[in-house]
Amino acid sequence: MTRSVNDGGIRSVLWFLPTTGDSRYVGSDVGARSPTFDYLGMVARAADTLGYDGLLVPSGRWCDDPWIASTAIAPTTRRVDFLLALRPGLISPVIAARSSSVSRKTMEASSALRLDSCAASGG
């Protein structure tokens, strides 16, 4: 997920893929946008075009499935990576491994394999 730069350091800058929807103000419905395929694709392509290294894809009770969202959106981008933030308390490790395997195979088939995951503890 990290990319080397010319000065020998490693830097990675990610944007957030709002799979629960997005709004203008935190905790408010003012200017709210639903997490439609078109909207998530627009966010992903914007991050890709602006040079972000990846997208953080959340998981949780109110989020769209991170594997399905990433697998669906990845082919619409050129180079941005997808970092899935998995919550071990909300999903069985066996189901997480199986879902990851299926998503990787699907992304490989579309030549868009740019998927990684991390364990997100807490809140």
PDB file of N, CA and C in Angstrom:
ATOM      1  N   MET A   1       0.823  -1.191   0.000  1.00  0.00           N
ATOM      2  CA  MET A   1       0.000   0.000   0.000  1.00  0.00           C
ATOM      3  C   MET A   1       0.864   1.251   0.000  1.00  0.00           C
ATOM      4  N   THR A   2       2.101   1.154   0.422  1.00  0.00           N
ATOM      5  CA  THR A   2       2.953   2.335   0.436  1.00  0.00           C
ATOM      6  C   THR A   2       3.763   2.406  -0.844  1.00  0.00           C
ATOM      7  N   ARG A   3       4.107   3.592  -1.226  1.00  0.00           N
ATOM      8  CA  ARG A   3       4.875   3.803  -2.455  1.00  0.00           C
ATOM      9  C   ARG A   3       6.146   4.573  -2.110  1.00  0.00           C
ATOM     10  N   SER A   4       7.244   4.169  -2.707  1.00  0.00           N
ATOM     11  CA  SER A   4       8.504   4.863  -2.465  1.00  0.00           C
ATOM     12  C   SER A   4       8.558   6.136  -3.294  1.00  0.00           C
ATOM     13  N   VAL A   5       9.225   7.127  -2.753  1.00  0.00           N
ATOM     14  CA  VAL A   5       9.426   8.365  -3.480  1.00  0.00           C
ATOM     15  C   VAL A   5      10.913   8.567  -3.694  1.00  0.00           C
ATOM     16  N   ASN A   6      11.276   9.532  -4.515  1.00  0.00           N
ATOM     17  CA  ASN A   6      12.672   9.730  -4.907  1.00  0.00           C
ATOM     18  C   ASN A   6      13.633   9.963  -3.751  1.00  0.00           C
ATOM     19  N   ASP A   7      13.175  10.576  -2.652  1.00  0.00           N
ATOM     20  CA  ASP A   7      14.092  10.885  -1.560  1.00  0.00           C
ATOM     21  C   ASP A   7      14.354   9.685  -0.654  1.00  0.00           C
ATOM     22  N   GLY A   8      13.854   8.497  -1.022  1.00  0.00           N
ATOM     23  CA  GLY A   8      14.119   7.304  -0.247  1.00  0.00           C
ATOM     24  C   GLY A   8      13.127   7.069   0.871  1.00  0.00           C
ATOM     25  N   GLY A   9      12.269   8.042   1.156  1.00  0.00           N
ATOM     26  CA  GLY A   9      11.260   7.865   2.202  1.00  0.00           C
ATOM     27  C   GLY A   9      10.048   7.132   1.659  1.00  0.00           C
ATOM     28  N   ILE A  10       9.210   6.682   2.557  1.00  0.00           N
ATOM     29  CA  ILE A  10       7.982   6.025   2.143  1.00  0.00           C
ATOM     30  C   ILE A  10       6.822   6.873   2.622  1.00  0.00           C
ATOM     31  N   ARG A  11       5.951   7.192   1.698  1.00  0.00           N
ATOM     32  CA  ARG A  11       4.789   8.007   2.018  1.00  0.00           C
ATOM     33  C   ARG A  11       3.560   7.396   1.376  1.00  0.00           C
ATOM     34  N   SER A  12       2.458   7.540   2.027  1.00  0.00           N
ATOM     35  CA  SER A  12       1.214   7.059   1.477  1.00  0.00           C
ATOM     36  C   SER A  12       0.100   7.983   1.958  1.00  0.00           C
ATOM     37  N   VAL A  13      -0.638   8.530   1.027  1.00  0.00           N
ATOM     38  CA  VAL A  13      -1.728   9.438   1.371  1.00  0.00           C
ATOM     39  C   VAL A  13      -3.021   8.828   0.833  1.00  0.00           C
ATOM     40  N   LEU A  14      -3.958   8.575   1.745  1.00  0.00           N
ATOM     41  CA  LEU A  14      -5.223   7.958   1.369  1.00  0.00           C
ATOM     42  C   LEU A  14      -6.387   8.909   1.582  1.00  0.00           C
ATOM     43  N   TRP A  15      -7.435   8.710   0.806  1.00  0.00           N
ATOM     44  CA  TRP A  15      -8.679   9.435   0.964  1.00  0.00           C
ATOM     45  C   TRP A  15      -9.701   8.442   1.503  1.00  0.00           C
ATOM     46  N   PHE A  16     -10.874   8.902   1.890  1.00  0.00           N
ATOM     47  CA  PHE A  16     -11.903   8.078   2.500  1.00  0.00           C
ATOM     48  C   PHE A  16     -13.034   7.825   1.509  1.00  0.00           C
ATOM     49  N   LEU A  17     -13.411   6.563   1.335  1.00  0.00           N
ATOM     50  CA  LEU A  17     -14.540   6.232   0.472  1.00  0.00           C
ATOM     51  C   LEU A  17     -15.791   6.158   1.351  1.00  0.00           C
ATOM     52  N   PRO A  18     -16.715   7.101   1.221  1.00  0.00           N
ATOM     53  CA  PRO A  18     -17.853   7.215   2.142  1.00  0.00           C
ATOM     54  C   PRO A  18     -18.974   6.214   1.863  1.00  0.00           C
ATOM     55  N   THR A  19     -18.749   4.944   2.237  1.00  0.00           N
ATOM     56  CA  THR A  19     -19.738   3.905   1.950  1.00  0.00           C
ATOM     57  C   THR A  19     -20.976   3.978   2.828  1.00  0.00           C
ATOM     58  N   THR A  20     -21.021   4.911   3.766  1.00  0.00           N
ATOM     59  CA  THR A  20     -22.233   5.138   4.555  1.00  0.00           C
ATOM     60  C   THR A  20     -22.979   6.362   4.042  1.00  0.00           C
ATOM     61  N   GLY A  21     -22.444   6.979   3.025  1.00  0.00           N
ATOM     62  CA  GLY A  21     -23.009   8.227   2.526  1.00  0.00           C
ATOM     63  C   GLY A  21     -22.133   9.378   2.972  1.00  0.00           C
ATOM     64  N   ASP A  22     -22.463  10.548   2.546  1.00  0.00           N
ATOM     65  CA  ASP A  22     -21.636  11.718   2.814  1.00  0.00           C
ATOM     66  C   ASP A  22     -22.560  12.904   3.044  1.00  0.00           C
ATOM     67  N   SER A  23     -22.093  13.851   3.815  1.00  0.00           N
ATOM     68  CA  SER A  23     -22.886  15.069   3.997  1.00  0.00           C
ATOM     69  C   SER A  23     -21.948  16.248   4.169  1.00  0.00           C
ATOM     70  N   ARG A  24     -22.511  17.398   4.067  1.00  0.00           N
ATOM     71  CA  ARG A  24     -21.708  18.614   4.160  1.00  0.00           C
ATOM     72  C   ARG A  24     -21.206  18.850   5.581  1.00  0.00           C
ATOM     73  N   TYR A  25     -22.014  18.472   6.554  1.00  0.00           N
ATOM     74  CA  TYR A  25     -21.663  18.681   7.963  1.00  0.00           C
ATOM     75  C   TYR A  25     -21.733  17.348   8.715  1.00  0.00           C
ATOM     76  N   VAL A  26     -20.786  17.090   9.572  1.00  0.00           N
ATOM     77  CA  VAL A  26     -20.750  15.854  10.342  1.00  0.00           C
ATOM     78  C   VAL A  26     -22.003  15.744  11.204  1.00  0.00           C
ATOM     79  N   GLY A  27     -22.666  14.588  11.129  1.00  0.00           N
ATOM     80  CA  GLY A  27     -23.856  14.354  11.934  1.00  0.00           C
ATOM     81  C   GLY A  27     -25.099  15.060  11.456  1.00  0.00           C
ATOM     82  N   SER A  28     -25.082  15.585  10.244  1.00  0.00           N
ATOM     83  CA  SER A  28     -26.224  16.341   9.727  1.00  0.00           C
ATOM     84  C   SER A  28     -26.633  15.786   8.374  1.00  0.00           C
ATOM     85  N   ASP A  29     -27.889  15.935   8.031  1.00  0.00           N
ATOM     86  CA  ASP A  29     -28.374  15.524   6.715  1.00  0.00           C
ATOM     87  C   ASP A  29     -28.314  16.660   5.692  1.00  0.00           C
ATOM     88  N   VAL A  30     -27.817  17.829   6.095  1.00  0.00           N
ATOM     89  CA  VAL A  30     -27.710  18.967   5.184  1.00  0.00           C
ATOM     90  C   VAL A  30     -26.712  18.624   4.079  1.00  0.00           C
ATOM     91  N   GLY A  31     -27.166  18.686   2.863  1.00  0.00           N
ATOM     92  CA  GLY A  31     -26.301  18.381   1.729  1.00  0.00           C
ATOM     93  C   GLY A  31     -25.916  16.914   1.641  1.00  0.00           C
ATOM     94  N   ALA A  32     -26.706  16.019   2.226  1.00  0.00           N
ATOM     95  CA  ALA A  32     -26.366  14.593   2.278  1.00  0.00           C
ATOM     96  C   ALA A  32     -26.405  13.947   0.894  1.00  0.00           C
ATOM     97  N   ARG A  33     -25.513  12.962   0.710  1.00  0.00           N
ATOM     98  CA  ARG A  33     -25.476  12.189  -0.533  1.00  0.00           C
ATOM     99  C   ARG A  33     -25.490  10.712  -0.170  1.00  0.00           C
ATOM    100  N   SER A  34     -26.310   9.953  -0.837  1.00  0.00           N
ATOM    101  CA  SER A  34     -26.381   8.508  -0.615  1.00  0.00           C
ATOM    102  C   SER A  34     -25.153   7.838  -1.225  1.00  0.00           C
ATOM    103  N   PRO A  35     -24.755   6.680  -0.689  1.00  0.00           N
ATOM    104  CA  PRO A  35     -23.585   5.987  -1.221  1.00  0.00           C
ATOM    105  C   PRO A  35     -23.921   5.160  -2.465  1.00  0.00           C
ATOM    106  N   THR A  36     -24.353   5.834  -3.510  1.00  0.00           N
ATOM    107  CA  THR A  36     -24.680   5.137  -4.757  1.00  0.00           C
ATOM    108  C   THR A  36     -23.395   4.742  -5.481  1.00  0.00           C
ATOM    109  N   PHE A  37     -23.518   3.808  -6.405  1.00  0.00           N
ATOM    110  CA  PHE A  37     -22.370   3.391  -7.198  1.00  0.00           C
ATOM    111  C   PHE A  37     -21.765   4.576  -7.938  1.00  0.00           C
ATOM    112  N   ASP A  38     -22.611   5.419  -8.508  1.00  0.00           N
ATOM    113  CA  ASP A  38     -22.117   6.590  -9.248  1.00  0.00           C
ATOM    114  C   ASP A  38     -21.333   7.538  -8.342  1.00  0.00           C
ATOM    115  N   TYR A  39     -21.875   7.794  -7.152  1.00  0.00           N
ATOM    116  CA  TYR A  39     -21.200   8.722  -6.236  1.00  0.00           C
ATOM    117  C   TYR A  39     -19.877   8.149  -5.727  1.00  0.00           C
ATOM    118  N   LEU A  40     -19.874   6.883  -5.320  1.00  0.00           N
ATOM    119  CA  LEU A  40     -18.629   6.272  -4.844  1.00  0.00           C
ATOM    120  C   LEU A  40     -17.592   6.212  -5.967  1.00  0.00           C
ATOM    121  N   GLY A  41     -18.056   5.945  -7.182  1.00  0.00           N
ATOM    122  CA  GLY A  41     -17.147   5.948  -8.328  1.00  0.00           C
ATOM    123  C   GLY A  41     -16.568   7.332  -8.583  1.00  0.00           C
ATOM    124  N   MET A  42     -17.390   8.356  -8.421  1.00  0.00           N
ATOM    125  CA  MET A  42     -16.917   9.733  -8.605  1.00  0.00           C
ATOM    126  C   MET A  42     -15.843  10.076  -7.568  1.00  0.00           C
ATOM    127  N   VAL A  43     -16.063   9.694  -6.308  1.00  0.00           N
ATOM    128  CA  VAL A  43     -15.074   9.945  -5.253  1.00  0.00           C
ATOM    129  C   VAL A  43     -13.776   9.191  -5.554  1.00  0.00           C
ATOM    130  N   ALA A  44     -13.889   7.926  -5.944  1.00  0.00           N
ATOM    131  CA  ALA A  44     -12.701   7.122  -6.236  1.00  0.00           C
ATOM    132  C   ALA A  44     -11.923   7.681  -7.421  1.00  0.00           C
ATOM    133  N   ARG A  45     -12.620   8.071  -8.483  1.00  0.00           N
ATOM    134  CA  ARG A  45     -11.929   8.621  -9.655  1.00  0.00           C
ATOM    135  C   ARG A  45     -11.288   9.968  -9.343  1.00  0.00           C
ATOM    136  N   ALA A  46     -11.935  10.763  -8.494  1.00  0.00           N
ATOM    137  CA  ALA A  46     -11.348  12.052  -8.092  1.00  0.00           C
ATOM    138  C   ALA A  46     -10.060  11.817  -7.308  1.00  0.00           C
ATOM    139  N   ALA A  47     -10.076  10.870  -6.370  1.00  0.00           N
ATOM    140  CA  ALA A  47      -8.863  10.555  -5.597  1.00  0.00           C
ATOM    141  C   ALA A  47      -7.770  10.037  -6.520  1.00  0.00           C
ATOM    142  N   ASP A  48      -8.151   9.220  -7.487  1.00  0.00           N
ATOM    143  CA  ASP A  48      -7.209   8.670  -8.454  1.00  0.00           C
ATOM    144  C   ASP A  48      -6.589   9.778  -9.293  1.00  0.00           C
ATOM    145  N   THR A  49      -7.414  10.673  -9.803  1.00  0.00           N
ATOM    146  CA  THR A  49      -6.953  11.777 -10.644  1.00  0.00           C
ATOM    147  C   THR A  49      -6.081  12.761  -9.875  1.00  0.00           C
ATOM    148  N   LEU A  50      -6.426  13.007  -8.607  1.00  0.00           N
ATOM    149  CA  LEU A  50      -5.677  13.972  -7.790  1.00  0.00           C
ATOM    150  C   LEU A  50      -4.371  13.407  -7.228  1.00  0.00           C
ATOM    151  N   GLY A  51      -4.103  12.129  -7.468  1.00  0.00           N
ATOM    152  CA  GLY A  51      -2.825  11.554  -7.081  1.00  0.00           C
ATOM    153  C   GLY A  51      -2.768  10.907  -5.707  1.00  0.00           C
ATOM    154  N   TYR A  52      -3.918  10.673  -5.085  1.00  0.00           N
ATOM    155  CA  TYR A  52      -3.905   9.959  -3.807  1.00  0.00           C
ATOM    156  C   TYR A  52      -3.422   8.530  -4.042  1.00  0.00           C
ATOM    157  N   ASP A  53      -2.748   7.958  -3.046  1.00  0.00           N
ATOM    158  CA  ASP A  53      -2.230   6.603  -3.182  1.00  0.00           C
ATOM    159  C   ASP A  53      -3.320   5.555  -3.007  1.00  0.00           C
ATOM    160  N   GLY A  54      -4.340   5.870  -2.232  1.00  0.00           N
ATOM    161  CA  GLY A  54      -5.368   4.873  -1.992  1.00  0.00           C
ATOM    162  C   GLY A  54      -6.610   5.448  -1.369  1.00  0.00           C
ATOM    163  N   LEU A  55      -7.555   4.551  -1.142  1.00  0.00           N
ATOM    164  CA  LEU A  55      -8.819   4.889  -0.508  1.00  0.00           C
ATOM    165  C   LEU A  55      -9.015   3.985   0.700  1.00  0.00           C
ATOM    166  N   LEU A  56      -9.359   4.570   1.827  1.00  0.00           N
ATOM    167  CA  LEU A  56      -9.711   3.801   3.007  1.00  0.00           C
ATOM    168  C   LEU A  56     -11.186   3.450   2.884  1.00  0.00           C
ATOM    169  N   VAL A  57     -11.488   2.164   2.907  1.00  0.00           N
ATOM    170  CA  VAL A  57     -12.858   1.692   2.771  1.00  0.00           C
ATOM    171  C   VAL A  57     -13.298   1.146   4.127  1.00  0.00           C
ATOM    172  N   PRO A  58     -14.244   1.821   4.792  1.00  0.00           N
ATOM    173  CA  PRO A  58     -14.640   1.413   6.135  1.00  0.00           C
ATOM    174  C   PRO A  58     -15.521   0.174   6.139  1.00  0.00           C
ATOM    175  N   SER A  59     -15.581  -0.473   7.287  1.00  0.00           N
ATOM    176  CA  SER A  59     -16.527  -1.571   7.476  1.00  0.00           C
ATOM    177  C   SER A  59     -17.244  -1.333   8.790  1.00  0.00           C
ATOM    178  N   GLY A  60     -18.422  -1.826   8.898  1.00  0.00           N
ATOM    179  CA  GLY A  60     -19.190  -1.640  10.116  1.00  0.00           C
ATOM    180  C   GLY A  60     -20.661  -1.870   9.857  1.00  0.00           C
ATOM    181  N   ARG A  61     -21.446  -1.707  10.873  1.00  0.00           N
ATOM    182  CA  ARG A  61     -22.883  -1.989  10.782  1.00  0.00           C
ATOM    183  C   ARG A  61     -23.598  -1.067   9.796  1.00  0.00           C
ATOM    184  N   TRP A  62     -23.160   0.157   9.644  1.00  0.00           N
ATOM    185  CA  TRP A  62     -23.861   1.121   8.800  1.00  0.00           C
ATOM    186  C   TRP A  62     -23.192   1.321   7.449  1.00  0.00           C
ATOM    187  N   CYS A  63     -22.118   0.611   7.193  1.00  0.00           N
ATOM    188  CA  CYS A  63     -21.379   0.759   5.937  1.00  0.00           C
ATOM    189  C   CYS A  63     -21.826  -0.289   4.924  1.00  0.00           C
ATOM    190  N   ASP A  64     -21.718   0.057   3.654  1.00  0.00           N
ATOM    191  CA  ASP A  64     -21.884  -0.962   2.624  1.00  0.00           C
ATOM    192  C   ASP A  64     -20.734  -1.945   2.771  1.00  0.00           C
ATOM    193  N   ASP A  65     -20.920  -3.162   2.289  1.00  0.00           N
ATOM    194  CA  ASP A  65     -19.874  -4.183   2.399  1.00  0.00           C
ATOM    195  C   ASP A  65     -18.593  -3.682   1.731  1.00  0.00           C
ATOM    196  N   PRO A  66     -17.461  -3.666   2.459  1.00  0.00           N
ATOM    197  CA  PRO A  66     -16.243  -3.092   1.889  1.00  0.00           C
ATOM    198  C   PRO A  66     -15.686  -3.868   0.707  1.00  0.00           C
ATOM    199  N   TRP A  67     -15.859  -5.197   0.712  1.00  0.00           N
ATOM    200  CA  TRP A  67     -15.341  -5.985  -0.400  1.00  0.00           C
ATOM    201  C   TRP A  67     -16.159  -5.742  -1.656  1.00  0.00           C
ATOM    202  N   ILE A  68     -17.461  -5.707  -1.522  1.00  0.00           N
ATOM    203  CA  ILE A  68     -18.312  -5.478  -2.690  1.00  0.00           C
ATOM    204  C   ILE A  68     -18.081  -4.074  -3.240  1.00  0.00           C
ATOM    205  N   ALA A  69     -18.018  -3.083  -2.352  1.00  0.00           N
ATOM    206  CA  ALA A  69     -17.793  -1.707  -2.797  1.00  0.00           C
ATOM    207  C   ALA A  69     -16.451  -1.582  -3.527  1.00  0.00           C
ATOM    208  N   SER A  70     -15.396  -2.137  -2.949  1.00  0.00           N
ATOM    209  CA  SER A  70     -14.063  -2.043  -3.562  1.00  0.00           C
ATOM    210  C   SER A  70     -13.998  -2.775  -4.889  1.00  0.00           C
ATOM    211  N   THR A  71     -14.564  -3.991  -4.912  1.00  0.00           N
ATOM    212  CA  THR A  71     -14.544  -4.787  -6.138  1.00  0.00           C
ATOM    213  C   THR A  71     -15.327  -4.105  -7.257  1.00  0.00           C
ATOM    214  N   ALA A  72     -16.422  -3.446  -6.914  1.00  0.00           N
ATOM    215  CA  ALA A  72     -17.233  -2.775  -7.927  1.00  0.00           C
ATOM    216  C   ALA A  72     -16.583  -1.490  -8.428  1.00  0.00           C
ATOM    217  N   ILE A  73     -15.937  -0.754  -7.533  1.00  0.00           N
ATOM    218  CA  ILE A  73     -15.387   0.556  -7.885  1.00  0.00           C
ATOM    219  C   ILE A  73     -13.994   0.462  -8.515  1.00  0.00           C
ATOM    220  N   ALA A  74     -13.200  -0.519  -8.140  1.00  0.00           N
ATOM    221  CA  ALA A  74     -11.805  -0.616  -8.610  1.00  0.00           C
ATOM    222  C   ALA A  74     -11.640  -0.522 -10.128  1.00  0.00           C
ATOM    223  N   PRO A  75     -12.449  -1.214 -10.922  1.00  0.00           N
ATOM    224  CA  PRO A  75     -12.259  -1.123 -12.377  1.00  0.00           C
ATOM    225  C   PRO A  75     -12.494   0.267 -12.957  1.00  0.00           C
ATOM    226  N   THR A  76     -13.128   1.161 -12.205  1.00  0.00           N
ATOM    227  CA  THR A  76     -13.377   2.514 -12.716  1.00  0.00           C
ATOM    228  C   THR A  76     -12.197   3.444 -12.454  1.00  0.00           C
ATOM    229  N   THR A  77     -11.163   2.942 -11.752  1.00  0.00           N
ATOM    230  CA  THR A  77      -9.979   3.746 -11.448  1.00  0.00           C
ATOM    231  C   THR A  77      -8.767   3.164 -12.169  1.00  0.00           C
ATOM    232  N   ARG A  78      -7.670   3.933 -12.197  1.00  0.00           N
ATOM    233  CA  ARG A  78      -6.460   3.473 -12.878  1.00  0.00           C
ATOM    234  C   ARG A  78      -5.392   2.966 -11.938  1.00  0.00           C
ATOM    235  N   ARG A  79      -5.139   3.662 -10.810  1.00  0.00           N
ATOM    236  CA  ARG A  79      -3.979   3.317 -10.009  1.00  0.00           C
ATOM    237  C   ARG A  79      -4.200   3.351  -8.504  1.00  0.00           C
ATOM    238  N   VAL A  80      -5.272   3.921  -8.041  1.00  0.00           N
ATOM    239  CA  VAL A  80      -5.495   4.069  -6.614  1.00  0.00           C
ATOM    240  C   VAL A  80      -5.717   2.690  -5.968  1.00  0.00           C
ATOM    241  N   ASP A  81      -5.143   2.476  -4.777  1.00  0.00           N
ATOM    242  CA  ASP A  81      -5.300   1.235  -4.030  1.00  0.00           C
ATOM    243  C   ASP A  81      -6.513   1.321  -3.107  1.00  0.00           C
ATOM    244  N   PHE A  82      -6.991   0.186  -2.650  1.00  0.00           N
ATOM    245  CA  PHE A  82      -8.133   0.123  -1.740  1.00  0.00           C
ATOM    246  C   PHE A  82      -7.686  -0.550  -0.443  1.00  0.00           C
ATOM    247  N   LEU A  83      -7.767   0.179   0.661  1.00  0.00           N
ATOM    248  CA  LEU A  83      -7.401  -0.349   1.977  1.00  0.00           C
ATOM    249  C   LEU A  83      -8.689  -0.568   2.759  1.00  0.00           C
ATOM    250  N   LEU A  84      -9.020  -1.824   3.003  1.00  0.00           N
ATOM    251  CA  LEU A  84     -10.239  -2.166   3.726  1.00  0.00           C
ATOM    252  C   LEU A  84      -9.954  -2.188   5.219  1.00  0.00           C
ATOM    253  N   ALA A  85     -10.677  -1.372   5.969  1.00  0.00           N
ATOM    254  CA  ALA A  85     -10.534  -1.324   7.428  1.00  0.00           C
ATOM    255  C   ALA A  85     -11.522  -2.321   8.014  1.00  0.00           C
ATOM    256  N   LEU A  86     -11.019  -3.465   8.427  1.00  0.00           N
ATOM    257  CA  LEU A  86     -11.883  -4.529   8.933  1.00  0.00           C
ATOM    258  C   LEU A  86     -11.975  -4.468  10.450  1.00  0.00           C
ATOM    259  N   ARG A  87     -13.142  -4.716  10.958  1.00  0.00           N
ATOM    260  CA  ARG A  87     -13.380  -4.722  12.409  1.00  0.00           C
ATOM    261  C   ARG A  87     -13.536  -6.167  12.874  1.00  0.00           C
ATOM    262  N   PRO A  88     -12.492  -6.709  13.523  1.00  0.00           N
ATOM    263  CA  PRO A  88     -12.513  -8.123  13.936  1.00  0.00           C
ATOM    264  C   PRO A  88     -13.690  -8.487  14.839  1.00  0.00           C
ATOM    265  N   GLY A  89     -14.207  -7.556  15.614  1.00  0.00           N
ATOM    266  CA  GLY A  89     -15.332  -7.847  16.490  1.00  0.00           C
ATOM    267  C   GLY A  89     -16.657  -7.958  15.771  1.00  0.00           C
ATOM    268  N   LEU A  90     -16.721  -7.513  14.511  1.00  0.00           N
ATOM    269  CA  LEU A  90     -17.981  -7.508  13.771  1.00  0.00           C
ATOM    270  C   LEU A  90     -18.075  -8.586  12.707  1.00  0.00           C
ATOM    271  N   ILE A  91     -16.962  -9.248  12.412  1.00  0.00           N
ATOM    272  CA  ILE A  91     -16.976 -10.267  11.362  1.00  0.00           C
ATOM    273  C   ILE A  91     -16.049 -11.409  11.751  1.00  0.00           C
ATOM    274  N   SER A  92     -16.481 -12.607  11.468  1.00  0.00           N
ATOM    275  CA  SER A  92     -15.675 -13.795  11.751  1.00  0.00           C
ATOM    276  C   SER A  92     -14.411 -13.769  10.887  1.00  0.00           C
ATOM    277  N   PRO A  93     -13.261 -14.134  11.450  1.00  0.00           N
ATOM    278  CA  PRO A  93     -12.028 -14.175  10.645  1.00  0.00           C
ATOM    279  C   PRO A  93     -12.143 -15.100   9.430  1.00  0.00           C
ATOM    280  N   VAL A  94     -12.893 -16.187   9.557  1.00  0.00           N
ATOM    281  CA  VAL A  94     -13.068 -17.118   8.442  1.00  0.00           C
ATOM    282  C   VAL A  94     -13.854 -16.449   7.312  1.00  0.00           C
ATOM    283  N   ILE A  95     -14.919 -15.755   7.655  1.00  0.00           N
ATOM    284  CA  ILE A  95     -15.716 -15.065   6.634  1.00  0.00           C
ATOM    285  C   ILE A  95     -14.901 -13.936   6.009  1.00  0.00           C
ATOM    286  N   ALA A  96     -14.114 -13.238   6.816  1.00  0.00           N
ATOM    287  CA  ALA A  96     -13.255 -12.169   6.286  1.00  0.00           C
ATOM    288  C   ALA A  96     -12.255 -12.734   5.285  1.00  0.00           C
ATOM    289  N   ALA A  97     -11.636 -13.858   5.608  1.00  0.00           N
ATOM    290  CA  ALA A  97     -10.665 -14.471   4.701  1.00  0.00           C
ATOM    291  C   ALA A  97     -11.333 -14.924   3.407  1.00  0.00           C
ATOM    292  N   ARG A  98     -12.511 -15.510   3.520  1.00  0.00           N
ATOM    293  CA  ARG A  98     -13.224 -15.979   2.335  1.00  0.00           C
ATOM    294  C   ARG A  98     -13.631 -14.798   1.449  1.00  0.00           C
ATOM    295  N   SER A  99     -14.164 -13.757   2.057  1.00  0.00           N
ATOM    296  CA  SER A  99     -14.572 -12.578   1.295  1.00  0.00           C
ATOM    297  C   SER A  99     -13.377 -11.932   0.613  1.00  0.00           C
ATOM    298  N   SER A 100     -12.260 -11.871   1.323  1.00  0.00           N
ATOM    299  CA  SER A 100     -11.043 -11.296   0.755  1.00  0.00           C
ATOM    300  C   SER A 100     -10.570 -12.102  -0.448  1.00  0.00           C
ATOM    301  N   SER A 101     -10.629 -13.418  -0.328  1.00  0.00           N
ATOM    302  CA  SER A 101     -10.202 -14.289  -1.424  1.00  0.00           C
ATOM    303  C   SER A 101     -11.061 -14.092  -2.662  1.00  0.00           C
ATOM    304  N   VAL A 102     -12.373 -14.039  -2.469  1.00  0.00           N
ATOM    305  CA  VAL A 102     -13.291 -13.853  -3.604  1.00  0.00           C
ATOM    306  C   VAL A 102     -13.060 -12.491  -4.253  1.00  0.00           C
ATOM    307  N   SER A 103     -12.900 -11.441  -3.447  1.00  0.00           N
ATOM    308  CA  SER A 103     -12.661 -10.106  -3.995  1.00  0.00           C
ATOM    309  C   SER A 103     -11.355 -10.049  -4.766  1.00  0.00           C
ATOM    310  N   ARG A 104     -10.314 -10.681  -4.226  1.00  0.00           N
ATOM    311  CA  ARG A 104      -9.021 -10.691  -4.923  1.00  0.00           C
ATOM    312  C   ARG A 104      -9.137 -11.383  -6.273  1.00  0.00           C
ATOM    313  N   LYS A 105      -9.827 -12.527  -6.320  1.00  0.00           N
ATOM    314  CA  LYS A 105      -9.994 -13.249  -7.589  1.00  0.00           C
ATOM    315  C   LYS A 105     -10.766 -12.409  -8.593  1.00  0.00           C
ATOM    316  N   THR A 106     -11.813 -11.737  -8.131  1.00  0.00           N
ATOM    317  CA  THR A 106     -12.610 -10.891  -9.023  1.00  0.00           C
ATOM    318  C   THR A 106     -11.776  -9.723  -9.531  1.00  0.00           C
ATOM    319  N   MET A 107     -10.982  -9.104  -8.637  1.00  0.00           N
ATOM    320  CA  MET A 107     -10.154  -7.972  -9.054  1.00  0.00           C
ATOM    321  C   MET A 107      -9.041  -8.431  -9.996  1.00  0.00           C
ATOM    322  N   GLU A 108      -8.482  -9.604  -9.765  1.00  0.00           N
ATOM    323  CA  GLU A 108      -7.455 -10.129 -10.667  1.00  0.00           C
ATOM    324  C   GLU A 108      -8.038 -10.322 -12.065  1.00  0.00           C
ATOM    325  N   ALA A 109      -9.259 -10.828 -12.131  1.00  0.00           N
ATOM    326  CA  ALA A 109      -9.907 -11.064 -13.423  1.00  0.00           C
ATOM    327  C   ALA A 109     -10.119  -9.765 -14.188  1.00  0.00           C
ATOM    328  N   SER A 110     -10.333  -8.672 -13.474  1.00  0.00           N
ATOM    329  CA  SER A 110     -10.540  -7.388 -14.147  1.00  0.00           C
ATOM    330  C   SER A 110      -9.252  -6.574 -14.221  1.00  0.00           C
ATOM    331  N   SER A 111      -8.123  -7.205 -13.894  1.00  0.00           N
ATOM    332  CA  SER A 111      -6.793  -6.580 -13.886  1.00  0.00           C
ATOM    333  C   SER A 111      -6.752  -5.316 -13.039  1.00  0.00           C
ATOM    334  N   ALA A 112      -7.502  -5.305 -11.938  1.00  0.00           N
ATOM    335  CA  ALA A 112      -7.534  -4.142 -11.065  1.00  0.00           C
ATOM    336  C   ALA A 112      -7.159  -4.518  -9.640  1.00  0.00           C
ATOM    337  N   LEU A 113      -6.281  -5.520  -9.471  1.00  0.00           N
ATOM    338  CA  LEU A 113      -5.927  -5.998  -8.127  1.00  0.00           C
ATOM    339  C   LEU A 113      -5.086  -4.950  -7.403  1.00  0.00           C
ATOM    340  N   ARG A 114      -5.747  -4.181  -6.576  1.00  0.00           N
ATOM    341  CA  ARG A 114      -5.079  -3.172  -5.763  1.00  0.00           C
ATOM    342  C   ARG A 114      -5.786  -3.130  -4.420  1.00  0.00           C
ATOM    343  N   LEU A 115      -5.793  -4.255  -3.732  1.00  0.00           N
ATOM    344  CA  LEU A 115      -6.577  -4.425  -2.523  1.00  0.00           C
ATOM    345  C   LEU A 115      -5.683  -4.826  -1.367  1.00  0.00           C
ATOM    346  N   ASP A 116      -5.893  -4.198  -0.220  1.00  0.00           N
ATOM    347  CA  ASP A 116      -5.175  -4.534   1.005  1.00  0.00           C
ATOM    348  C   ASP A 116      -6.152  -4.372   2.151  1.00  0.00           C
ATOM    349  N   SER A 117      -5.821  -4.901   3.318  1.00  0.00           N
ATOM    350  CA  SER A 117      -6.726  -4.770   4.453  1.00  0.00           C
ATOM    351  C   SER A 117      -5.929  -4.518   5.721  1.00  0.00           C
ATOM    352  N   CYS A 118      -6.623  -3.958   6.710  1.00  0.00           N
ATOM    353  CA  CYS A 118      -6.022  -3.740   8.019  1.00  0.00           C
ATOM    354  C   CYS A 118      -7.091  -3.997   9.077  1.00  0.00           C
ATOM    355  N   ALA A 119      -6.660  -4.347  10.274  1.00  0.00           N
ATOM    356  CA  ALA A 119      -7.598  -4.560  11.372  1.00  0.00           C
ATOM    357  C   ALA A 119      -7.786  -3.243  12.106  1.00  0.00           C
ATOM    358  N   ALA A 120      -9.029  -2.814  12.211  1.00  0.00           N
ATOM    359  CA  ALA A 120      -9.351  -1.566  12.900  1.00  0.00           C
ATOM    360  C   ALA A 120     -10.054  -1.904  14.212  1.00  0.00           C
ATOM    361  N   SER A 121      -9.399  -1.625  15.306  1.00  0.00           N
ATOM    362  CA  SER A 121     -10.008  -1.931  16.595  1.00  0.00           C
ATOM    363  C   SER A 121     -10.719  -0.699  17.141  1.00  0.00           C
ATOM    364  N   GLY A 122     -11.602  -0.924  18.073  1.00  0.00           N
ATOM    365  CA  GLY A 122     -12.289   0.189  18.724  1.00  0.00           C
ATOM    366  C   GLY A 122     -13.498   0.665  17.966  1.00  0.00           C
ATOM    367  N   GLY A 123     -14.079   1.759  18.485  1.00  0.00           N
ATOM    368  CA  GLY A 123     -15.254   2.447  18.087  1.00  0.00           C
ATOM    369  C   GLY A 123     -15.972   2.135  16.900  1.00  0.00           C
TER     370      GLY A 123
END
